[in-house]
Amino acid sequence: MEMIKKDPTEIAYLKKDKKTIEQLEEEEIPKYLEKGELALFLNTAMHNGLEHYYLMFLILSYTGIRVGELVAPKMERYQLRKPYNQHNQNLLQRDK
């Protein structure tokens, strides 16, 4: 409706804080398992843990779904005739 004649965001900018090398080195880097570490973990879970834990870790590590999506599945979320499934809900959400 062109009620505002001038766009107020034209002159807006976000200030970025510059970090020193020391600050960058102090930040914690997320840890991931390498292939060999994952194989050792799954092998240990299979031989020294309960069988359903091994299956749970195997599914989580190779599909990328979250724990809440794995432990609280609902069949209406899955479309078996499509080439892939969309997982967009987790354990904390409640159906109305």
C-alpha atoms as a PDB file:
ATOM      1  CA  MET A   1       0.000   0.000   0.000  1.00  0.00           C
ATOM      2  CA  GLU A   2       3.148   2.192   0.046  1.00  0.00           C
ATOM      3  CA  MET A   3       2.235   3.973   3.288  1.00  0.00           C
ATOM      4  CA  ILE A   4       5.881   4.206   4.352  1.00  0.00           C
ATOM      5  CA  LYS A   5       7.730   6.374   1.843  1.00  0.00           C
ATOM      6  CA  LYS A   6      11.266   5.382   2.856  1.00  0.00           C
ATOM      7  CA  ASP A   7      12.554   1.956   3.840  1.00  0.00           C
ATOM      8  CA  PRO A   8      14.055   2.279   7.364  1.00  0.00           C
ATOM      9  CA  THR A   9      16.169  -0.841   6.875  1.00  0.00           C
ATOM     10  CA  GLU A  10      18.240   0.708   4.074  1.00  0.00           C
ATOM     11  CA  ILE A  11      20.666   2.283   6.541  1.00  0.00           C
ATOM     12  CA  ALA A  12      20.500  -0.513   9.151  1.00  0.00           C
ATOM     13  CA  TYR A  13      23.441  -2.824   9.693  1.00  0.00           C
ATOM     14  CA  LEU A  14      24.467  -5.506  12.157  1.00  0.00           C
ATOM     15  CA  LYS A  15      27.608  -4.907  14.136  1.00  0.00           C
ATOM     16  CA  LYS A  16      29.906  -7.891  14.141  1.00  0.00           C
ATOM     17  CA  ASP A  17      32.281  -8.306  17.046  1.00  0.00           C
ATOM     18  CA  LYS A  18      35.768  -9.165  15.906  1.00  0.00           C
ATOM     19  CA  LYS A  19      37.307 -12.026  17.846  1.00  0.00           C
ATOM     20  CA  THR A  20      40.951 -12.384  18.688  1.00  0.00           C
ATOM     21  CA  ILE A  21      42.893 -15.555  17.972  1.00  0.00           C
ATOM     22  CA  GLU A  22      42.893 -16.345  21.693  1.00  0.00           C
ATOM     23  CA  GLN A  23      39.098 -16.123  21.824  1.00  0.00           C
ATOM     24  CA  LEU A  24      38.772 -18.396  18.794  1.00  0.00           C
ATOM     25  CA  GLU A  25      41.119 -20.949  20.346  1.00  0.00           C
ATOM     26  CA  GLU A  26      39.115 -20.965  23.602  1.00  0.00           C
ATOM     27  CA  GLU A  27      35.830 -21.822  21.867  1.00  0.00           C
ATOM     28  CA  GLU A  28      34.844 -25.441  22.196  1.00  0.00           C
ATOM     29  CA  ILE A  29      34.671 -27.300  18.913  1.00  0.00           C
ATOM     30  CA  PRO A  30      31.805 -29.821  18.598  1.00  0.00           C
ATOM     31  CA  LYS A  31      33.042 -33.377  18.768  1.00  0.00           C
ATOM     32  CA  TYR A  32      32.087 -35.965  16.207  1.00  0.00           C
ATOM     33  CA  LEU A  33      33.012 -39.607  15.883  1.00  0.00           C
ATOM     34  CA  GLU A  34      35.342 -40.587  13.077  1.00  0.00           C
ATOM     35  CA  LYS A  35      34.533 -43.740  11.063  1.00  0.00           C
ATOM     36  CA  GLY A  36      36.818 -45.939  13.144  1.00  0.00           C
ATOM     37  CA  GLU A  37      35.518 -44.519  16.414  1.00  0.00           C
ATOM     38  CA  LEU A  38      31.912 -45.078  15.317  1.00  0.00           C
ATOM     39  CA  ALA A  39      32.690 -48.661  14.303  1.00  0.00           C
ATOM     40  CA  LEU A  40      34.334 -49.323  17.687  1.00  0.00           C
ATOM     41  CA  PHE A  41      31.394 -47.725  19.530  1.00  0.00           C
ATOM     42  CA  LEU A  42      28.786 -49.764  17.614  1.00  0.00           C
ATOM     43  CA  ASN A  43      30.814 -52.948  18.026  1.00  0.00           C
ATOM     44  CA  THR A  44      31.077 -52.354  21.772  1.00  0.00           C
ATOM     45  CA  ALA A  45      27.340 -51.627  21.999  1.00  0.00           C
ATOM     46  CA  MET A  46      26.567 -54.838  20.108  1.00  0.00           C
ATOM     47  CA  HIS A  47      28.790 -57.143  22.156  1.00  0.00           C
ATOM     48  CA  ASN A  48      28.709 -55.529  25.608  1.00  0.00           C
ATOM     49  CA  GLY A  49      25.353 -53.753  25.686  1.00  0.00           C
ATOM     50  CA  LEU A  50      21.726 -54.631  25.226  1.00  0.00           C
ATOM     51  CA  GLU A  51      20.607 -55.503  21.711  1.00  0.00           C
ATOM     52  CA  HIS A  52      18.053 -52.679  21.406  1.00  0.00           C
ATOM     53  CA  TYR A  53      20.712 -50.099  22.351  1.00  0.00           C
ATOM     54  CA  TYR A  54      22.872 -51.254  19.443  1.00  0.00           C
ATOM     55  CA  LEU A  55      19.943 -50.919  17.045  1.00  0.00           C
ATOM     56  CA  MET A  56      19.074 -47.492  18.441  1.00  0.00           C
ATOM     57  CA  PHE A  57      22.649 -46.193  18.054  1.00  0.00           C
ATOM     58  CA  LEU A  58      22.921 -47.717  14.573  1.00  0.00           C
ATOM     59  CA  ILE A  59      19.741 -45.989  13.397  1.00  0.00           C
ATOM     60  CA  LEU A  60      20.724 -42.666  14.975  1.00  0.00           C
ATOM     61  CA  SER A  61      24.217 -42.687  13.491  1.00  0.00           C
ATOM     62  CA  TYR A  62      23.240 -43.558   9.923  1.00  0.00           C
ATOM     63  CA  THR A  63      19.949 -41.676   9.486  1.00  0.00           C
ATOM     64  CA  GLY A  64      20.531 -38.375  11.272  1.00  0.00           C
ATOM     65  CA  ILE A  65      17.185 -38.400  13.060  1.00  0.00           C
ATOM     66  CA  ARG A  66      17.000 -37.096  16.604  1.00  0.00           C
ATOM     67  CA  VAL A  67      16.500 -39.216  19.711  1.00  0.00           C
ATOM     68  CA  GLY A  68      12.969 -37.874  20.270  1.00  0.00           C
ATOM     69  CA  GLU A  69      11.974 -38.886  16.745  1.00  0.00           C
ATOM     70  CA  LEU A  70      13.296 -42.387  17.340  1.00  0.00           C
ATOM     71  CA  VAL A  71      11.733 -43.096  20.724  1.00  0.00           C
ATOM     72  CA  ALA A  72       8.303 -41.605  20.002  1.00  0.00           C
ATOM     73  CA  PRO A  73       7.371 -42.562  16.422  1.00  0.00           C
ATOM     74  CA  LYS A  74       3.826 -42.193  15.140  1.00  0.00           C
ATOM     75  CA  MET A  75       2.906 -44.070  11.999  1.00  0.00           C
ATOM     76  CA  GLU A  76       0.836 -41.201  10.562  1.00  0.00           C
ATOM     77  CA  ARG A  77       4.073 -39.188  10.240  1.00  0.00           C
ATOM     78  CA  TYR A  78       5.538 -41.684   7.791  1.00  0.00           C
ATOM     79  CA  GLN A  79       4.519 -41.912   4.158  1.00  0.00           C
ATOM     80  CA  LEU A  80       5.641 -45.324   3.012  1.00  0.00           C
ATOM     81  CA  ARG A  81       4.908 -44.770  -0.675  1.00  0.00           C
ATOM     82  CA  LYS A  82       7.278 -41.799  -1.015  1.00  0.00           C
ATOM     83  CA  PRO A  83      11.033 -42.207  -1.590  1.00  0.00           C
ATOM     84  CA  TYR A  84      11.878 -40.480   1.714  1.00  0.00           C
ATOM     85  CA  ASN A  85      10.227 -39.605   5.003  1.00  0.00           C
ATOM     86  CA  GLN A  86      10.067 -36.156   6.539  1.00  0.00           C
ATOM     87  CA  HIS A  87      10.655 -36.070  10.286  1.00  0.00           C
ATOM     88  CA  ASN A  88       9.449 -32.786  11.664  1.00  0.00           C
ATOM     89  CA  GLN A  89       8.184 -33.563  15.143  1.00  0.00           C
ATOM     90  CA  ASN A  90       9.877 -34.690  18.294  1.00  0.00           C
ATOM     91  CA  LEU A  91       9.013 -36.071  21.703  1.00  0.00           C
ATOM     92  CA  LEU A  92       8.381 -32.685  23.313  1.00  0.00           C
ATOM     93  CA  GLN A  93       5.586 -31.636  20.974  1.00  0.00           C
ATOM     94  CA  ARG A  94       2.042 -32.676  21.804  1.00  0.00           C
ATOM     95  CA  ASP A  95      -0.601 -33.498  19.239  1.00  0.00           C
ATOM     96  CA  LYS A  96      -3.820 -31.504  19.626  1.00  0.00           C
END
